[in-house]
């Protein structure tokens, strides 16, 4: 499935729904809703590539991920303009790493007796912490620290009070 569904969170949801024999329509709707954020990220990313054609932007957005969007935002913090070919390279490198990781993980994953001893169960969390940390540094350059702390406090309070 990983070679055809390029969205990890959607895969987890699909597998859980398949196990409980959910209707195909429910699975499709769940995957659509989970990946709706990528549509929003693509809309924002496309504003940096206004000079390219619609089809070019659709191609770029079709393999955009949270990670490649984060890398794009990091690059835009250092430069005003990003070459569309750079973005395609960003997306393509990510997909190739996903593909190779899927193949190698499938072939060799069974050789690991307990992946937790290597901390692999924390790898995804660690990746998102790294993305957040780099975005936090970028936000510090653009937003005064006081305002940033207020935003984080509001988010934390709303999270813990809900």
N, C-alpha and C. Protein backbone atom coordinates (compact mmCIF):
# COMPACT_ATOMS: atom_id res chain seq x y z
N UNK A 1 0.82 -1.19 0.00
CA UNK A 1 0.00 0.00 0.00
C UNK A 1 0.87 1.26 0.00
N UNK A 2 2.00 1.19 0.67
CA UNK A 2 2.86 2.36 0.82
C UNK A 2 3.40 2.87 -0.52
N UNK A 3 3.53 1.99 -1.49
CA UNK A 3 4.03 2.43 -2.79
C UNK A 3 2.98 3.19 -3.59
N UNK A 4 1.70 2.99 -3.25
CA UNK A 4 0.63 3.62 -4.01
C UNK A 4 -0.09 4.73 -3.25
N UNK A 5 -0.09 4.66 -1.94
CA UNK A 5 -0.72 5.69 -1.12
C UNK A 5 0.39 6.48 -0.44
N UNK A 6 0.64 7.67 -0.96
CA UNK A 6 1.75 8.50 -0.49
C UNK A 6 1.27 9.43 0.63
N UNK A 7 0.76 8.82 1.69
CA UNK A 7 0.28 9.58 2.85
C UNK A 7 0.22 8.63 4.04
N UNK A 8 1.18 8.75 4.92
CA UNK A 8 1.30 7.82 6.03
C UNK A 8 0.09 7.80 6.95
N UNK A 9 -0.42 8.98 7.32
CA UNK A 9 -1.56 9.01 8.23
C UNK A 9 -2.79 8.39 7.57
N UNK A 10 -2.94 8.58 6.28
CA UNK A 10 -4.07 7.97 5.57
C UNK A 10 -3.93 6.45 5.55
N UNK A 11 -2.71 5.96 5.45
CA UNK A 11 -2.50 4.51 5.48
C UNK A 11 -2.92 3.91 6.81
N UNK A 12 -2.53 4.55 7.90
CA UNK A 12 -2.93 4.04 9.23
C UNK A 12 -4.45 4.01 9.35
N UNK A 13 -5.10 5.08 8.92
CA UNK A 13 -6.56 5.14 8.99
C UNK A 13 -7.19 4.08 8.10
N UNK A 14 -6.66 3.93 6.89
CA UNK A 14 -7.20 2.92 5.97
C UNK A 14 -7.10 1.52 6.55
N UNK A 15 -5.95 1.19 7.09
CA UNK A 15 -5.76 -0.14 7.66
C UNK A 15 -6.72 -0.39 8.82
N UNK A 16 -6.88 0.60 9.68
CA UNK A 16 -7.80 0.44 10.81
C UNK A 16 -9.23 0.24 10.31
N UNK A 17 -9.62 0.98 9.29
CA UNK A 17 -10.98 0.85 8.76
C UNK A 17 -11.17 -0.45 7.99
N UNK A 18 -10.14 -0.90 7.30
CA UNK A 18 -10.22 -2.18 6.59
C UNK A 18 -10.37 -3.33 7.58
N UNK A 19 -9.64 -3.26 8.69
CA UNK A 19 -9.71 -4.31 9.71
C UNK A 19 -11.12 -4.45 10.27
N UNK A 20 -11.80 -3.32 10.48
CA UNK A 20 -13.17 -3.39 11.01
C UNK A 20 -14.21 -3.50 9.90
N UNK A 21 -13.76 -3.72 8.68
CA UNK A 21 -14.61 -3.92 7.50
C UNK A 21 -15.57 -2.75 7.27
N UNK A 22 -15.02 -1.55 7.34
CA UNK A 22 -15.81 -0.35 7.07
C UNK A 22 -16.15 -0.28 5.59
N UNK A 23 -17.24 0.39 5.25
CA UNK A 23 -17.59 0.54 3.84
C UNK A 23 -16.52 1.33 3.08
N UNK A 24 -16.38 1.03 1.82
CA UNK A 24 -15.38 1.70 0.98
C UNK A 24 -15.61 3.22 0.98
N UNK A 25 -16.87 3.64 0.96
CA UNK A 25 -17.17 5.07 0.97
C UNK A 25 -16.65 5.73 2.25
N UNK A 26 -16.76 5.06 3.37
CA UNK A 26 -16.26 5.60 4.64
C UNK A 26 -14.74 5.70 4.62
N UNK A 27 -14.09 4.71 4.04
CA UNK A 27 -12.63 4.73 3.93
C UNK A 27 -12.20 5.89 3.04
N UNK A 28 -12.86 6.03 1.89
CA UNK A 28 -12.52 7.09 0.95
C UNK A 28 -12.73 8.47 1.58
N UNK A 29 -13.84 8.65 2.28
CA UNK A 29 -14.13 9.94 2.91
C UNK A 29 -13.11 10.25 4.01
N UNK A 30 -12.74 9.25 4.78
CA UNK A 30 -11.74 9.44 5.84
C UNK A 30 -10.41 9.87 5.25
N UNK A 31 -9.97 9.18 4.20
CA UNK A 31 -8.70 9.53 3.55
C UNK A 31 -8.78 10.94 2.97
N UNK A 32 -9.91 11.28 2.37
CA UNK A 32 -10.09 12.62 1.82
C UNK A 32 -9.96 13.69 2.91
N UNK A 33 -10.64 13.47 4.02
CA UNK A 33 -10.61 14.46 5.10
C UNK A 33 -9.22 14.57 5.74
N UNK A 34 -8.55 13.43 5.90
CA UNK A 34 -7.20 13.46 6.46
C UNK A 34 -6.26 14.25 5.56
N UNK A 35 -6.40 14.08 4.26
CA UNK A 35 -5.49 14.72 3.32
C UNK A 35 -5.94 16.11 2.87
N UNK A 36 -7.04 16.58 3.40
CA UNK A 36 -7.52 17.92 3.05
C UNK A 36 -6.50 18.99 3.43
N UNK A 37 -5.75 18.76 4.49
CA UNK A 37 -4.73 19.72 4.90
C UNK A 37 -3.69 19.91 3.80
N UNK A 38 -3.41 18.84 3.04
CA UNK A 38 -2.43 18.95 1.96
C UNK A 38 -2.95 19.85 0.85
N UNK A 39 -4.26 19.86 0.65
CA UNK A 39 -4.86 20.77 -0.32
C UNK A 39 -4.62 22.21 0.13
N UNK A 40 -4.82 22.46 1.42
CA UNK A 40 -4.60 23.81 1.94
C UNK A 40 -3.12 24.21 1.86
N UNK A 41 -2.23 23.28 2.19
CA UNK A 41 -0.80 23.56 2.07
C UNK A 41 -0.43 23.84 0.61
N UNK A 42 -1.02 23.08 -0.31
CA UNK A 42 -0.75 23.28 -1.74
C UNK A 42 -1.24 24.64 -2.22
N UNK A 43 -2.41 25.04 -1.72
CA UNK A 43 -2.91 26.37 -2.09
C UNK A 43 -1.92 27.45 -1.67
N UNK A 44 -1.41 27.34 -0.46
CA UNK A 44 -0.45 28.33 0.01
C UNK A 44 0.86 28.25 -0.77
N UNK A 45 1.36 27.03 -0.97
CA UNK A 45 2.63 26.87 -1.69
C UNK A 45 2.53 27.42 -3.11
N UNK A 46 1.37 27.25 -3.74
CA UNK A 46 1.22 27.70 -5.13
C UNK A 46 1.32 29.22 -5.25
N UNK A 47 1.10 29.95 -4.16
CA UNK A 47 1.22 31.41 -4.23
C UNK A 47 2.66 31.84 -4.48
N UNK A 48 3.62 30.98 -4.20
CA UNK A 48 5.03 31.28 -4.46
C UNK A 48 5.45 30.91 -5.88
N UNK A 49 4.54 30.29 -6.61
CA UNK A 49 4.84 29.85 -7.98
C UNK A 49 3.75 30.35 -8.93
N UNK A 50 3.34 31.59 -8.75
CA UNK A 50 2.28 32.17 -9.58
C UNK A 50 2.66 32.25 -11.06
N UNK A 51 3.94 32.37 -11.34
CA UNK A 51 4.39 32.54 -12.72
C UNK A 51 4.41 31.21 -13.48
N UNK A 52 4.14 30.11 -12.82
CA UNK A 52 4.13 28.81 -13.50
C UNK A 52 2.70 28.46 -13.90
N UNK A 53 2.58 27.49 -14.78
CA UNK A 53 1.26 27.12 -15.28
C UNK A 53 0.46 26.35 -14.23
N UNK A 54 -0.84 26.29 -14.46
CA UNK A 54 -1.73 25.54 -13.57
C UNK A 54 -1.31 24.08 -13.50
N UNK A 55 -0.99 23.48 -14.64
CA UNK A 55 -0.60 22.06 -14.67
C UNK A 55 0.71 21.83 -13.94
N UNK A 56 1.59 22.78 -14.04
CA UNK A 56 2.87 22.68 -13.32
C UNK A 56 2.62 22.68 -11.81
N UNK A 57 1.74 23.59 -11.37
CA UNK A 57 1.40 23.66 -9.95
C UNK A 57 0.65 22.42 -9.49
N UNK A 58 -0.21 21.88 -10.32
CA UNK A 58 -0.92 20.64 -9.96
C UNK A 58 0.08 19.50 -9.80
N UNK A 59 1.03 19.42 -10.72
CA UNK A 59 2.06 18.38 -10.61
C UNK A 59 2.88 18.53 -9.35
N UNK A 60 3.23 19.77 -9.03
CA UNK A 60 4.01 20.02 -7.82
C UNK A 60 3.20 19.69 -6.57
N UNK A 61 1.95 20.07 -6.58
CA UNK A 61 1.10 19.87 -5.41
C UNK A 61 0.68 18.42 -5.21
N UNK A 62 0.69 17.64 -6.27
CA UNK A 62 0.21 16.27 -6.15
C UNK A 62 1.11 15.39 -5.30
N UNK A 63 2.37 15.77 -5.13
CA UNK A 63 3.23 14.98 -4.24
C UNK A 63 3.80 15.83 -3.10
N UNK A 64 3.12 16.94 -2.80
CA UNK A 64 3.50 17.77 -1.67
C UNK A 64 3.16 17.03 -0.37
N UNK A 65 4.03 17.11 0.61
CA UNK A 65 3.78 16.50 1.92
C UNK A 65 3.99 17.56 2.99
N UNK A 66 3.65 17.21 4.22
CA UNK A 66 3.92 18.13 5.34
C UNK A 66 5.40 18.47 5.38
N UNK A 67 6.22 17.45 5.16
CA UNK A 67 7.66 17.63 5.26
C UNK A 67 8.20 18.53 4.15
N UNK A 68 7.78 18.29 2.90
CA UNK A 68 8.30 19.11 1.81
C UNK A 68 7.78 20.54 1.91
N UNK A 69 6.57 20.71 2.44
CA UNK A 69 6.06 22.05 2.69
C UNK A 69 6.91 22.75 3.74
N UNK A 70 7.26 22.02 4.80
CA UNK A 70 8.12 22.58 5.84
C UNK A 70 9.47 22.99 5.30
N UNK A 71 10.04 22.16 4.43
CA UNK A 71 11.33 22.49 3.81
C UNK A 71 11.18 23.74 2.93
N UNK A 72 10.07 23.82 2.19
CA UNK A 72 9.82 25.01 1.36
C UNK A 72 9.73 26.26 2.21
N UNK A 73 8.99 26.20 3.31
CA UNK A 73 8.87 27.37 4.18
C UNK A 73 10.22 27.74 4.79
N UNK A 74 11.03 26.74 5.11
CA UNK A 74 12.37 27.02 5.62
C UNK A 74 13.23 27.71 4.58
N UNK A 75 13.13 27.26 3.34
CA UNK A 75 13.90 27.87 2.25
C UNK A 75 13.43 29.31 2.02
N UNK A 76 12.12 29.53 2.09
CA UNK A 76 11.59 30.87 1.86
C UNK A 76 11.95 31.84 2.98
N UNK A 77 12.35 31.33 4.12
CA UNK A 77 12.81 32.20 5.20
C UNK A 77 14.16 32.81 4.88
N UNK A 78 14.91 32.15 3.99
CA UNK A 78 16.26 32.61 3.65
C UNK A 78 16.32 33.30 2.29
N UNK A 79 15.30 33.14 1.49
CA UNK A 79 15.30 33.74 0.16
C UNK A 79 13.88 34.19 -0.17
N UNK A 80 13.77 35.15 -1.06
CA UNK A 80 12.45 35.66 -1.42
C UNK A 80 11.75 34.82 -2.48
N UNK A 81 12.53 34.10 -3.26
CA UNK A 81 11.95 33.37 -4.39
C UNK A 81 12.60 32.00 -4.48
N UNK A 82 11.77 31.01 -4.78
CA UNK A 82 12.26 29.64 -4.94
C UNK A 82 11.98 29.20 -6.37
N UNK A 83 12.97 28.62 -7.00
CA UNK A 83 12.83 28.10 -8.35
C UNK A 83 11.87 26.91 -8.33
N UNK A 84 10.91 26.86 -9.26
CA UNK A 84 9.99 25.72 -9.30
C UNK A 84 10.70 24.37 -9.43
N UNK A 85 11.82 24.34 -10.13
CA UNK A 85 12.55 23.07 -10.25
C UNK A 85 13.13 22.65 -8.90
N UNK A 86 13.48 23.62 -8.06
CA UNK A 86 13.95 23.29 -6.71
C UNK A 86 12.83 22.58 -5.95
N UNK A 87 11.61 23.10 -6.09
CA UNK A 87 10.48 22.49 -5.38
C UNK A 87 10.19 21.10 -5.91
N UNK A 88 10.30 20.92 -7.23
CA UNK A 88 10.11 19.57 -7.78
C UNK A 88 11.18 18.62 -7.25
N UNK A 89 12.41 19.11 -7.14
CA UNK A 89 13.47 18.29 -6.57
C UNK A 89 13.20 17.95 -5.11
N UNK A 90 12.70 18.91 -4.38
CA UNK A 90 12.33 18.70 -2.98
C UNK A 90 11.28 17.59 -2.88
N UNK A 91 10.23 17.70 -3.68
CA UNK A 91 9.16 16.69 -3.67
C UNK A 91 9.66 15.34 -4.16
N UNK A 92 10.44 15.34 -5.22
CA UNK A 92 10.92 14.07 -5.80
C UNK A 92 11.87 13.36 -4.84
N UNK A 93 12.77 14.11 -4.20
CA UNK A 93 13.66 13.49 -3.22
C UNK A 93 12.87 12.85 -2.08
N UNK A 94 11.84 13.53 -1.65
CA UNK A 94 11.01 12.99 -0.57
C UNK A 94 10.31 11.71 -1.01
N UNK A 95 9.77 11.72 -2.23
CA UNK A 95 9.07 10.52 -2.71
C UNK A 95 10.04 9.35 -2.90
N UNK A 96 11.22 9.62 -3.45
CA UNK A 96 12.21 8.55 -3.64
C UNK A 96 12.61 7.97 -2.28
N UNK A 97 12.81 8.83 -1.28
CA UNK A 97 13.15 8.34 0.06
C UNK A 97 12.02 7.49 0.63
N UNK A 98 10.79 7.91 0.40
CA UNK A 98 9.60 7.15 0.84
C UNK A 98 9.58 5.78 0.15
N UNK A 99 9.78 5.79 -1.15
CA UNK A 99 9.74 4.56 -1.95
C UNK A 99 10.84 3.60 -1.52
N UNK A 100 12.07 4.11 -1.44
CA UNK A 100 13.21 3.26 -1.04
C UNK A 100 13.02 2.77 0.39
N UNK A 101 12.56 3.64 1.27
CA UNK A 101 12.30 3.24 2.65
C UNK A 101 11.25 2.15 2.74
N UNK A 102 10.23 2.23 1.89
CA UNK A 102 9.20 1.20 1.86
C UNK A 102 9.78 -0.13 1.42
N UNK A 103 10.55 -0.11 0.34
CA UNK A 103 11.13 -1.35 -0.19
C UNK A 103 12.12 -1.95 0.81
N UNK A 104 13.02 -1.13 1.33
CA UNK A 104 14.02 -1.64 2.28
C UNK A 104 13.35 -2.09 3.57
N UNK A 105 12.40 -1.32 4.05
CA UNK A 105 11.68 -1.69 5.27
C UNK A 105 10.92 -2.99 5.12
N UNK A 106 10.32 -3.20 3.96
CA UNK A 106 9.60 -4.44 3.71
C UNK A 106 10.57 -5.61 3.63
N UNK A 107 11.69 -5.40 2.96
CA UNK A 107 12.66 -6.49 2.78
C UNK A 107 13.41 -6.83 4.06
N UNK A 108 13.77 -5.82 4.84
CA UNK A 108 14.63 -6.05 5.99
C UNK A 108 13.96 -5.85 7.34
N UNK A 109 12.76 -5.33 7.34
CA UNK A 109 12.09 -5.02 8.60
C UNK A 109 11.90 -6.22 9.51
N UNK A 110 11.69 -7.38 8.94
CA UNK A 110 11.51 -8.58 9.74
C UNK A 110 12.78 -9.03 10.45
N UNK A 111 13.93 -8.51 10.04
CA UNK A 111 15.19 -8.89 10.68
C UNK A 111 15.39 -8.22 12.03
N UNK A 112 14.64 -7.14 12.28
CA UNK A 112 14.74 -6.45 13.57
C UNK A 112 13.81 -7.14 14.57
N UNK A 113 14.36 -7.66 15.64
CA UNK A 113 13.52 -8.37 16.59
C UNK A 113 12.54 -7.44 17.32
N UNK A 114 12.99 -6.26 17.67
CA UNK A 114 12.15 -5.31 18.40
C UNK A 114 12.57 -3.90 18.01
N UNK A 115 11.85 -3.26 17.08
CA UNK A 115 12.25 -1.93 16.60
C UNK A 115 12.33 -0.87 17.70
N UNK A 116 11.57 -1.06 18.80
CA UNK A 116 11.58 -0.06 19.86
C UNK A 116 12.95 0.10 20.51
N UNK A 117 13.77 -0.95 20.50
CA UNK A 117 15.08 -0.83 21.15
C UNK A 117 15.99 0.15 20.41
N UNK A 118 15.68 0.42 19.14
CA UNK A 118 16.45 1.39 18.36
C UNK A 118 15.80 2.77 18.37
N UNK A 119 14.66 2.90 19.01
CA UNK A 119 13.95 4.17 19.04
C UNK A 119 13.19 4.46 17.76
N UNK A 120 12.98 3.46 16.92
CA UNK A 120 12.31 3.69 15.65
C UNK A 120 10.84 4.07 15.84
N UNK A 121 10.26 3.68 16.97
CA UNK A 121 8.87 4.06 17.22
C UNK A 121 8.74 5.57 17.48
N UNK A 122 9.85 6.23 17.75
CA UNK A 122 9.86 7.66 18.01
C UNK A 122 10.30 8.47 16.78
N UNK A 123 10.69 7.81 15.72
CA UNK A 123 11.25 8.49 14.55
C UNK A 123 10.29 9.50 13.95
N UNK A 124 9.02 9.13 13.80
CA UNK A 124 8.05 10.05 13.20
C UNK A 124 7.84 11.26 14.10
N UNK A 125 7.70 11.03 15.38
CA UNK A 125 7.54 12.13 16.33
C UNK A 125 8.77 13.04 16.28
N UNK A 126 9.95 12.43 16.24
CA UNK A 126 11.19 13.20 16.17
C UNK A 126 11.26 14.05 14.92
N UNK A 127 10.81 13.50 13.79
CA UNK A 127 10.83 14.26 12.54
C UNK A 127 9.94 15.50 12.65
N UNK A 128 8.73 15.34 13.21
CA UNK A 128 7.84 16.48 13.32
C UNK A 128 8.34 17.50 14.35
N UNK A 129 9.02 17.03 15.39
CA UNK A 129 9.63 17.97 16.34
C UNK A 129 10.71 18.78 15.63
N UNK A 130 11.50 18.13 14.78
CA UNK A 130 12.52 18.82 14.00
C UNK A 130 11.93 19.86 13.06
N UNK A 131 10.85 19.50 12.38
CA UNK A 131 10.18 20.45 11.48
C UNK A 131 9.65 21.63 12.28
N UNK A 132 9.00 21.33 13.42
CA UNK A 132 8.45 22.41 14.25
C UNK A 132 9.55 23.32 14.76
N UNK A 133 10.65 22.73 15.20
CA UNK A 133 11.76 23.53 15.74
C UNK A 133 12.30 24.48 14.67
N UNK A 134 12.46 23.99 13.45
CA UNK A 134 12.97 24.87 12.39
C UNK A 134 11.95 25.95 12.05
N UNK A 135 10.67 25.59 12.05
CA UNK A 135 9.64 26.59 11.78
C UNK A 135 9.56 27.61 12.91
N UNK A 136 9.78 27.16 14.14
CA UNK A 136 9.77 28.05 15.29
C UNK A 136 10.89 29.09 15.15
N UNK A 137 12.06 28.65 14.71
CA UNK A 137 13.17 29.58 14.50
C UNK A 137 12.83 30.60 13.42
N UNK A 138 12.17 30.14 12.37
CA UNK A 138 11.76 31.04 11.29
C UNK A 138 10.73 32.04 11.81
N UNK A 139 9.76 31.55 12.59
CA UNK A 139 8.74 32.44 13.14
C UNK A 139 9.35 33.48 14.06
N UNK A 140 10.39 33.12 14.80
CA UNK A 140 11.04 34.07 15.70
C UNK A 140 11.64 35.24 14.93
N UNK A 141 12.07 34.99 13.71
CA UNK A 141 12.64 36.07 12.89
C UNK A 141 11.56 37.01 12.38
N UNK A 142 10.37 36.48 12.16
CA UNK A 142 9.30 37.26 11.55
C UNK A 142 8.30 37.82 12.56
N UNK A 143 8.13 37.14 13.68
CA UNK A 143 7.14 37.53 14.68
C UNK A 143 7.89 37.82 15.98
N UNK A 144 7.59 38.94 16.64
CA UNK A 144 8.24 39.20 17.93
C UNK A 144 7.99 38.05 18.91
N UNK A 145 9.00 37.73 19.71
CA UNK A 145 8.93 36.59 20.63
C UNK A 145 7.73 36.70 21.56
N UNK A 146 7.42 37.89 22.02
CA UNK A 146 6.27 38.08 22.92
C UNK A 146 4.99 37.60 22.26
N UNK A 147 4.77 38.00 21.00
CA UNK A 147 3.57 37.57 20.28
C UNK A 147 3.57 36.07 20.05
N UNK A 148 4.73 35.52 19.77
CA UNK A 148 4.85 34.08 19.55
C UNK A 148 4.49 33.31 20.82
N UNK A 149 4.94 33.78 21.97
CA UNK A 149 4.62 33.14 23.25
C UNK A 149 3.13 33.24 23.55
N UNK A 150 2.51 34.35 23.21
CA UNK A 150 1.07 34.51 23.41
C UNK A 150 0.32 33.50 22.55
N UNK A 151 0.73 33.37 21.29
CA UNK A 151 0.09 32.40 20.39
C UNK A 151 0.22 30.99 20.94
N UNK A 152 1.43 30.61 21.36
CA UNK A 152 1.65 29.27 21.91
C UNK A 152 0.84 29.06 23.19
N UNK A 153 0.72 30.08 24.03
CA UNK A 153 -0.06 29.95 25.26
C UNK A 153 -1.54 29.74 24.95
N UNK A 154 -2.07 30.49 23.99
CA UNK A 154 -3.48 30.33 23.60
C UNK A 154 -3.72 28.93 23.06
N UNK A 155 -2.82 28.44 22.23
CA UNK A 155 -2.96 27.09 21.68
C UNK A 155 -2.91 26.06 22.80
N UNK A 156 -1.97 26.21 23.73
CA UNK A 156 -1.84 25.26 24.84
C UNK A 156 -3.08 25.27 25.72
N UNK A 157 -3.58 26.45 26.05
CA UNK A 157 -4.78 26.54 26.90
C UNK A 157 -5.98 25.92 26.19
N UNK A 158 -6.15 26.22 24.91
CA UNK A 158 -7.28 25.64 24.18
C UNK A 158 -7.16 24.13 24.06
N UNK A 159 -5.93 23.63 23.96
CA UNK A 159 -5.72 22.18 23.88
C UNK A 159 -6.07 21.51 25.20
N UNK A 160 -5.59 22.07 26.30
CA UNK A 160 -5.79 21.43 27.60
C UNK A 160 -7.18 21.67 28.17
N UNK A 161 -7.87 22.70 27.71
CA UNK A 161 -9.21 22.98 28.24
C UNK A 161 -10.32 22.36 27.41
N UNK A 162 -9.99 21.75 26.31
CA UNK A 162 -11.05 21.16 25.47
C UNK A 162 -11.29 19.72 25.79
